[in-house]
N, C-alpha and C. Protein backbone atom coordinates (compact mmCIF):
# COMPACT_ATOMS: atom_id res chain seq x y z
N MET A 1 0.82 -1.20 0.00
CA MET A 1 0.00 0.00 0.00
C MET A 1 0.86 1.26 0.00
N LYS A 2 1.98 1.26 0.80
CA LYS A 2 2.87 2.41 0.85
C LYS A 2 3.50 2.66 -0.52
N ILE A 3 3.82 1.59 -1.23
CA ILE A 3 4.44 1.74 -2.55
C ILE A 3 3.46 2.37 -3.53
N ILE A 4 2.22 1.94 -3.50
CA ILE A 4 1.20 2.50 -4.40
C ILE A 4 0.97 3.97 -4.06
N LEU A 5 0.83 4.29 -2.77
CA LEU A 5 0.63 5.67 -2.36
C LEU A 5 1.82 6.54 -2.75
N SER A 6 3.03 6.03 -2.59
CA SER A 6 4.22 6.78 -2.98
C SER A 6 4.25 7.01 -4.48
N ALA A 7 3.85 6.00 -5.25
CA ALA A 7 3.83 6.14 -6.71
C ALA A 7 2.80 7.17 -7.14
N VAL A 8 1.64 7.17 -6.49
CA VAL A 8 0.60 8.15 -6.81
C VAL A 8 1.08 9.55 -6.47
N CYS A 9 1.69 9.74 -5.30
CA CYS A 9 2.21 11.05 -4.90
C CYS A 9 3.29 11.53 -5.87
N LEU A 10 4.18 10.63 -6.24
CA LEU A 10 5.24 10.98 -7.18
C LEU A 10 4.66 11.39 -8.53
N SER A 11 3.63 10.67 -8.97
CA SER A 11 2.97 11.00 -10.23
C SER A 11 2.33 12.38 -10.17
N LEU A 12 1.66 12.68 -9.04
CA LEU A 12 1.03 13.99 -8.90
C LEU A 12 2.05 15.11 -8.89
N VAL A 13 3.17 14.92 -8.22
CA VAL A 13 4.24 15.92 -8.20
C VAL A 13 4.77 16.13 -9.61
N PHE A 14 4.98 15.05 -10.34
CA PHE A 14 5.48 15.14 -11.72
C PHE A 14 4.49 15.89 -12.61
N MET A 15 3.20 15.55 -12.49
CA MET A 15 2.19 16.21 -13.32
C MET A 15 2.06 17.69 -12.97
N ALA A 16 2.15 18.03 -11.70
CA ALA A 16 2.10 19.44 -11.30
C ALA A 16 3.28 20.19 -11.88
N GLY A 17 4.44 19.59 -11.86
CA GLY A 17 5.62 20.21 -12.46
C GLY A 17 5.44 20.41 -13.95
N MET A 18 4.82 19.44 -14.61
CA MET A 18 4.58 19.56 -16.04
C MET A 18 3.60 20.68 -16.34
N ALA A 19 2.64 20.90 -15.45
CA ALA A 19 1.62 21.91 -15.71
C ALA A 19 2.10 23.32 -15.39
N TRP A 20 3.10 23.49 -14.47
CA TRP A 20 3.43 24.83 -14.02
C TRP A 20 4.90 25.18 -14.10
N GLY A 21 5.74 24.35 -14.63
CA GLY A 21 7.17 24.64 -14.72
C GLY A 21 7.52 25.36 -16.00
N GLU A 22 8.82 25.41 -16.32
CA GLU A 22 9.27 26.05 -17.54
C GLU A 22 8.98 25.16 -18.73
N HIS A 23 8.81 25.77 -19.91
CA HIS A 23 8.52 25.03 -21.14
C HIS A 23 9.51 23.89 -21.31
N PRO A 24 9.11 22.68 -21.65
CA PRO A 24 7.75 22.32 -22.03
C PRO A 24 6.84 22.04 -20.85
N GLY A 25 7.28 22.38 -19.64
CA GLY A 25 6.50 22.10 -18.45
C GLY A 25 5.16 22.79 -18.41
N VAL A 26 5.09 24.07 -18.79
CA VAL A 26 3.80 24.75 -18.80
C VAL A 26 3.01 24.17 -19.95
N ALA A 27 1.85 23.65 -19.62
CA ALA A 27 1.03 23.00 -20.64
C ALA A 27 0.80 23.92 -21.82
N THR A 28 0.74 23.32 -23.01
CA THR A 28 0.58 24.09 -24.24
C THR A 28 -0.64 25.00 -24.18
N SER A 29 -1.72 24.53 -23.56
CA SER A 29 -2.92 25.37 -23.49
C SER A 29 -2.65 26.64 -22.69
N HIS A 30 -1.85 26.55 -21.62
CA HIS A 30 -1.49 27.75 -20.86
C HIS A 30 -0.57 28.64 -21.69
N ARG A 31 0.43 28.06 -22.35
CA ARG A 31 1.35 28.85 -23.16
C ARG A 31 0.60 29.58 -24.26
N ASP A 32 -0.33 28.91 -24.90
CA ASP A 32 -1.11 29.55 -25.96
C ASP A 32 -1.93 30.72 -25.41
N ALA A 33 -2.55 30.54 -24.25
CA ALA A 33 -3.35 31.62 -23.65
C ALA A 33 -2.46 32.77 -23.20
N ILE A 34 -1.29 32.45 -22.67
CA ILE A 34 -0.34 33.47 -22.24
C ILE A 34 0.12 34.29 -23.43
N GLN A 35 0.50 33.61 -24.51
CA GLN A 35 0.99 34.33 -25.67
C GLN A 35 -0.13 35.07 -26.41
N LYS A 36 -1.34 34.59 -26.31
CA LYS A 36 -2.48 35.32 -26.87
C LYS A 36 -2.66 36.63 -26.11
N ALA A 37 -2.53 36.55 -24.78
CA ALA A 37 -2.63 37.77 -23.95
C ALA A 37 -1.51 38.75 -24.31
N MET A 38 -0.31 38.22 -24.54
CA MET A 38 0.82 39.08 -24.92
C MET A 38 0.53 39.76 -26.26
N MET A 39 0.05 39.00 -27.23
CA MET A 39 -0.22 39.56 -28.55
C MET A 39 -1.31 40.63 -28.48
N THR A 40 -2.36 40.36 -27.72
CA THR A 40 -3.43 41.35 -27.55
C THR A 40 -2.89 42.63 -26.93
N HIS A 41 -2.08 42.48 -25.90
CA HIS A 41 -1.46 43.64 -25.24
C HIS A 41 -0.59 44.43 -26.22
N ILE A 42 0.27 43.75 -26.93
CA ILE A 42 1.17 44.42 -27.89
C ILE A 42 0.35 45.14 -28.96
N GLU A 43 -0.67 44.48 -29.48
CA GLU A 43 -1.52 45.11 -30.51
C GLU A 43 -2.22 46.35 -29.98
N GLU A 44 -2.74 46.28 -28.75
CA GLU A 44 -3.43 47.43 -28.17
C GLU A 44 -2.47 48.60 -27.96
N VAL A 45 -1.29 48.32 -27.44
CA VAL A 45 -0.32 49.39 -27.20
C VAL A 45 0.13 50.01 -28.51
N THR A 46 0.48 49.18 -29.48
CA THR A 46 0.98 49.72 -30.76
C THR A 46 -0.12 50.46 -31.51
N GLU A 47 -1.36 50.03 -31.34
CA GLU A 47 -2.48 50.72 -31.99
C GLU A 47 -2.66 52.12 -31.43
N HIS A 48 -2.43 52.28 -30.12
CA HIS A 48 -2.60 53.58 -29.48
C HIS A 48 -1.37 54.47 -29.59
N ASN A 49 -0.24 53.89 -29.93
CA ASN A 49 1.00 54.66 -30.09
C ASN A 49 0.98 55.29 -31.48
N ALA A 50 1.24 56.57 -31.57
CA ALA A 50 1.12 57.30 -32.83
C ALA A 50 1.95 56.69 -33.97
N ASN A 51 3.10 56.07 -33.63
CA ASN A 51 3.97 55.53 -34.68
C ASN A 51 3.79 54.03 -34.90
N GLY A 52 2.83 53.41 -34.20
CA GLY A 52 2.58 51.99 -34.39
C GLY A 52 3.64 51.06 -33.83
N MET A 53 4.49 51.58 -32.95
CA MET A 53 5.57 50.78 -32.37
C MET A 53 5.26 50.51 -30.89
N TYR A 54 6.02 49.58 -30.31
CA TYR A 54 5.86 49.24 -28.89
C TYR A 54 6.92 50.00 -28.09
N PRO A 55 6.52 50.96 -27.24
CA PRO A 55 7.51 51.73 -26.48
C PRO A 55 7.91 51.01 -25.19
N VAL A 56 9.20 51.07 -24.88
CA VAL A 56 9.70 50.51 -23.63
C VAL A 56 10.89 51.34 -23.17
N PHE A 57 11.04 51.46 -21.86
CA PHE A 57 12.16 52.22 -21.32
C PHE A 57 13.42 51.38 -21.37
N ASP A 58 14.48 51.93 -21.95
CA ASP A 58 15.80 51.29 -22.00
C ASP A 58 16.64 51.93 -20.91
N PRO A 59 16.91 51.21 -19.80
CA PRO A 59 17.67 51.81 -18.70
C PRO A 59 19.11 52.15 -19.07
N ASP A 60 19.66 51.44 -20.03
CA ASP A 60 21.02 51.70 -20.47
C ASP A 60 21.10 53.04 -21.22
N ALA A 61 20.18 53.25 -22.14
CA ALA A 61 20.13 54.48 -22.93
C ALA A 61 19.41 55.60 -22.18
N LYS A 62 18.72 55.24 -21.10
CA LYS A 62 17.94 56.19 -20.29
C LYS A 62 16.92 56.95 -21.13
N THR A 63 16.26 56.20 -22.01
CA THR A 63 15.24 56.79 -22.86
C THR A 63 14.22 55.72 -23.24
N VAL A 64 13.10 56.15 -23.75
CA VAL A 64 12.10 55.23 -24.27
C VAL A 64 12.46 54.90 -25.71
N VAL A 65 12.54 53.62 -26.01
CA VAL A 65 12.83 53.18 -27.37
C VAL A 65 11.55 52.61 -27.99
N GLN A 66 11.44 52.75 -29.28
CA GLN A 66 10.27 52.28 -30.02
C GLN A 66 10.65 50.97 -30.71
N LEU A 67 9.85 49.93 -30.46
CA LEU A 67 10.21 48.59 -30.92
C LEU A 67 9.13 47.96 -31.78
N LYS A 68 9.60 47.03 -32.62
CA LYS A 68 8.69 46.26 -33.47
C LYS A 68 8.84 44.79 -33.10
N LEU A 69 7.71 44.10 -32.93
CA LEU A 69 7.71 42.68 -32.58
C LEU A 69 8.35 41.86 -33.69
N LYS A 70 9.26 40.99 -33.30
CA LYS A 70 9.91 40.08 -34.24
C LYS A 70 9.35 38.67 -34.08
N LYS A 71 9.42 38.10 -32.83
CA LYS A 71 8.87 36.76 -32.61
C LYS A 71 8.73 36.48 -31.12
N PHE A 72 7.84 35.55 -30.81
CA PHE A 72 7.67 35.05 -29.44
C PHE A 72 8.63 33.90 -29.20
N HIS A 73 9.07 33.74 -27.96
CA HIS A 73 9.83 32.56 -27.55
C HIS A 73 8.83 31.50 -27.10
N ASP A 74 9.24 30.24 -27.09
CA ASP A 74 8.37 29.16 -26.64
C ASP A 74 8.31 29.04 -25.12
N SER A 75 9.32 29.55 -24.43
CA SER A 75 9.43 29.30 -22.98
C SER A 75 8.42 30.11 -22.18
N VAL A 76 7.95 29.48 -21.12
CA VAL A 76 7.08 30.13 -20.14
C VAL A 76 7.56 29.66 -18.78
N GLU A 77 7.72 30.60 -17.85
CA GLU A 77 8.10 30.28 -16.48
C GLU A 77 7.07 30.88 -15.55
N ILE A 78 7.11 30.44 -14.31
CA ILE A 78 6.33 31.09 -13.27
C ILE A 78 7.34 31.70 -12.32
N MET A 79 7.23 33.01 -12.10
CA MET A 79 8.18 33.72 -11.25
C MET A 79 7.43 34.54 -10.22
N GLY A 80 8.06 34.70 -9.06
CA GLY A 80 7.50 35.50 -7.99
C GLY A 80 6.89 34.65 -6.90
N ARG A 81 7.28 34.91 -5.67
CA ARG A 81 6.74 34.16 -4.54
C ARG A 81 5.52 34.88 -3.95
N LYS A 82 5.61 36.19 -3.79
CA LYS A 82 4.50 36.95 -3.22
C LYS A 82 3.32 36.99 -4.18
N THR A 83 3.59 37.35 -5.41
CA THR A 83 2.58 37.37 -6.46
C THR A 83 3.16 36.65 -7.66
N PRO A 84 2.81 35.39 -7.87
CA PRO A 84 3.36 34.65 -9.01
C PRO A 84 2.78 35.14 -10.34
N TYR A 85 3.65 35.22 -11.32
CA TYR A 85 3.25 35.59 -12.68
C TYR A 85 3.77 34.55 -13.64
N PHE A 86 3.04 34.35 -14.73
CA PHE A 86 3.61 33.65 -15.86
C PHE A 86 4.57 34.65 -16.50
N VAL A 87 5.73 34.20 -16.92
CA VAL A 87 6.69 35.08 -17.60
C VAL A 87 7.06 34.42 -18.91
N SER A 88 6.82 35.15 -19.98
CA SER A 88 7.19 34.68 -21.31
C SER A 88 7.80 35.86 -22.04
N CYS A 89 8.63 35.57 -23.03
CA CYS A 89 9.34 36.67 -23.67
C CYS A 89 9.18 36.68 -25.18
N ALA A 90 9.59 37.79 -25.74
CA ALA A 90 9.52 37.99 -27.18
C ALA A 90 10.68 38.87 -27.61
N ASP A 91 11.11 38.66 -28.84
CA ASP A 91 12.16 39.49 -29.43
C ASP A 91 11.54 40.67 -30.17
N PHE A 92 12.17 41.81 -30.01
CA PHE A 92 11.77 43.04 -30.68
C PHE A 92 13.00 43.67 -31.30
N THR A 93 12.80 44.49 -32.32
CA THR A 93 13.91 45.24 -32.90
C THR A 93 13.58 46.73 -32.86
N ALA A 94 14.62 47.52 -32.62
CA ALA A 94 14.49 48.97 -32.66
C ALA A 94 14.76 49.44 -34.08
N GLU A 95 14.43 50.68 -34.34
CA GLU A 95 14.65 51.24 -35.68
C GLU A 95 16.11 51.20 -36.09
N ASP A 96 17.03 51.26 -35.10
CA ASP A 96 18.47 51.23 -35.42
C ASP A 96 19.01 49.80 -35.52
N GLY A 97 18.13 48.79 -35.41
CA GLY A 97 18.55 47.40 -35.52
C GLY A 97 18.90 46.73 -34.21
N THR A 98 18.87 47.45 -33.10
CA THR A 98 19.16 46.87 -31.80
C THR A 98 18.11 45.81 -31.47
N LEU A 99 18.56 44.65 -30.99
CA LEU A 99 17.65 43.55 -30.64
C LEU A 99 17.35 43.60 -29.14
N TYR A 100 16.07 43.61 -28.81
CA TYR A 100 15.61 43.60 -27.42
C TYR A 100 14.82 42.33 -27.17
N ASP A 101 15.08 41.72 -26.02
CA ASP A 101 14.31 40.56 -25.55
C ASP A 101 13.52 41.06 -24.35
N LEU A 102 12.21 41.14 -24.50
CA LEU A 102 11.34 41.65 -23.43
C LEU A 102 10.60 40.50 -22.77
N ASP A 103 10.51 40.55 -21.46
CA ASP A 103 9.72 39.59 -20.70
C ASP A 103 8.40 40.23 -20.33
N PHE A 104 7.33 39.48 -20.48
CA PHE A 104 6.00 39.96 -20.15
C PHE A 104 5.49 39.22 -18.92
N LEU A 105 5.02 39.97 -17.94
CA LEU A 105 4.41 39.40 -16.75
C LEU A 105 2.93 39.25 -17.05
N VAL A 106 2.45 38.01 -16.96
CA VAL A 106 1.06 37.71 -17.28
C VAL A 106 0.39 37.12 -16.04
N SER A 107 -0.75 37.67 -15.68
CA SER A 107 -1.48 37.22 -14.49
C SER A 107 -2.13 35.86 -14.75
N ARG A 108 -2.60 35.26 -13.68
CA ARG A 108 -3.31 33.98 -13.78
C ARG A 108 -4.61 34.12 -14.56
N LYS A 109 -5.06 35.36 -14.75
CA LYS A 109 -6.27 35.62 -15.54
C LYS A 109 -5.91 35.92 -16.99
N TYR A 110 -4.65 35.66 -17.35
CA TYR A 110 -4.14 35.84 -18.72
C TYR A 110 -4.25 37.29 -19.18
N ALA A 111 -3.74 38.19 -18.38
CA ALA A 111 -3.65 39.60 -18.74
C ALA A 111 -2.22 40.08 -18.49
N VAL A 112 -1.66 40.82 -19.43
CA VAL A 112 -0.31 41.37 -19.26
C VAL A 112 -0.39 42.48 -18.24
N VAL A 113 0.45 42.38 -17.20
CA VAL A 113 0.46 43.37 -16.14
C VAL A 113 1.80 44.10 -16.03
N GLY A 114 2.76 43.72 -16.86
CA GLY A 114 4.05 44.39 -16.83
C GLY A 114 4.97 43.89 -17.93
N THR A 115 5.94 44.73 -18.27
CA THR A 115 6.94 44.39 -19.27
C THR A 115 8.31 44.74 -18.71
N LEU A 116 9.25 43.81 -18.84
CA LEU A 116 10.61 44.01 -18.35
C LEU A 116 11.61 43.70 -19.45
N MET A 117 12.70 44.45 -19.48
CA MET A 117 13.74 44.19 -20.46
C MET A 117 14.62 43.04 -19.93
N HIS A 118 14.73 41.98 -20.73
CA HIS A 118 15.49 40.80 -20.35
C HIS A 118 16.91 40.82 -20.92
N SER A 119 17.03 41.34 -22.14
CA SER A 119 18.37 41.49 -22.73
C SER A 119 18.33 42.51 -23.85
N LYS A 120 19.51 43.04 -24.12
CA LYS A 120 19.69 44.00 -25.20
C LYS A 120 20.90 43.55 -26.00
N ASN A 121 20.68 43.28 -27.28
CA ASN A 121 21.74 42.76 -28.16
C ASN A 121 22.46 41.57 -27.53
N GLY A 122 21.68 40.72 -26.85
CA GLY A 122 22.24 39.51 -26.26
C GLY A 122 22.86 39.67 -24.89
N THR A 123 22.97 40.89 -24.40
CA THR A 123 23.51 41.13 -23.06
C THR A 123 22.38 41.05 -22.05
N HIS A 124 22.47 40.07 -21.15
CA HIS A 124 21.42 39.80 -20.17
C HIS A 124 21.29 40.95 -19.17
N ILE A 125 20.05 41.29 -18.83
CA ILE A 125 19.75 42.30 -17.82
C ILE A 125 18.99 41.60 -16.70
N SER A 126 19.59 41.60 -15.53
CA SER A 126 19.01 40.87 -14.39
C SER A 126 17.88 41.64 -13.74
N TYR A 127 16.91 40.90 -13.25
CA TYR A 127 15.86 41.45 -12.40
C TYR A 127 15.34 40.34 -11.53
N GLU A 128 14.63 40.70 -10.49
CA GLU A 128 14.06 39.72 -9.58
C GLU A 128 12.62 40.08 -9.29
N ILE A 129 11.77 39.09 -9.29
CA ILE A 129 10.38 39.29 -8.92
C ILE A 129 10.19 38.65 -7.55
N PRO A 130 9.98 39.46 -6.51
CA PRO A 130 9.88 38.90 -5.16
C PRO A 130 8.67 38.01 -4.97
C-alpha cells in the first residue's frame, strides 16, 4: 500500500511540475493563452501609439525606445513568490537594428500586467520578482 501511495504522490508531483514549470512544463494550453494575452497587449499598445511601435524604457540608454515585434519565444516560467506571474518573452527590434528581448508578466487571468527588459543585443539584464 505504501508503494502505491508513494507512486501516486510521485505522479502527482510530476504532473504538477509539467503543468506549471518552464517550457515544455507549462502545458501548451497555458502557453497559448499566455501568448495570446501578450499579442493582444502588444496590438493594443501599438495601436494607441502614434507611430505603431511598442515603447519601452531602456535603462542603459535612459530613454524610451520604439520597438517592433519580431517573434515570441516558446518558454514560459512562473516567477515571484508573493505574487506569481507567468513570464514569457519575445524578441523586438528597434529602428536602429538593436535587438531587445522583453519579458511579459502575465497574471493567472491571462492579462499582461508588466513588461521588463530581459536582454539588449544579447547582453542579459538581471531582475528579480519577489
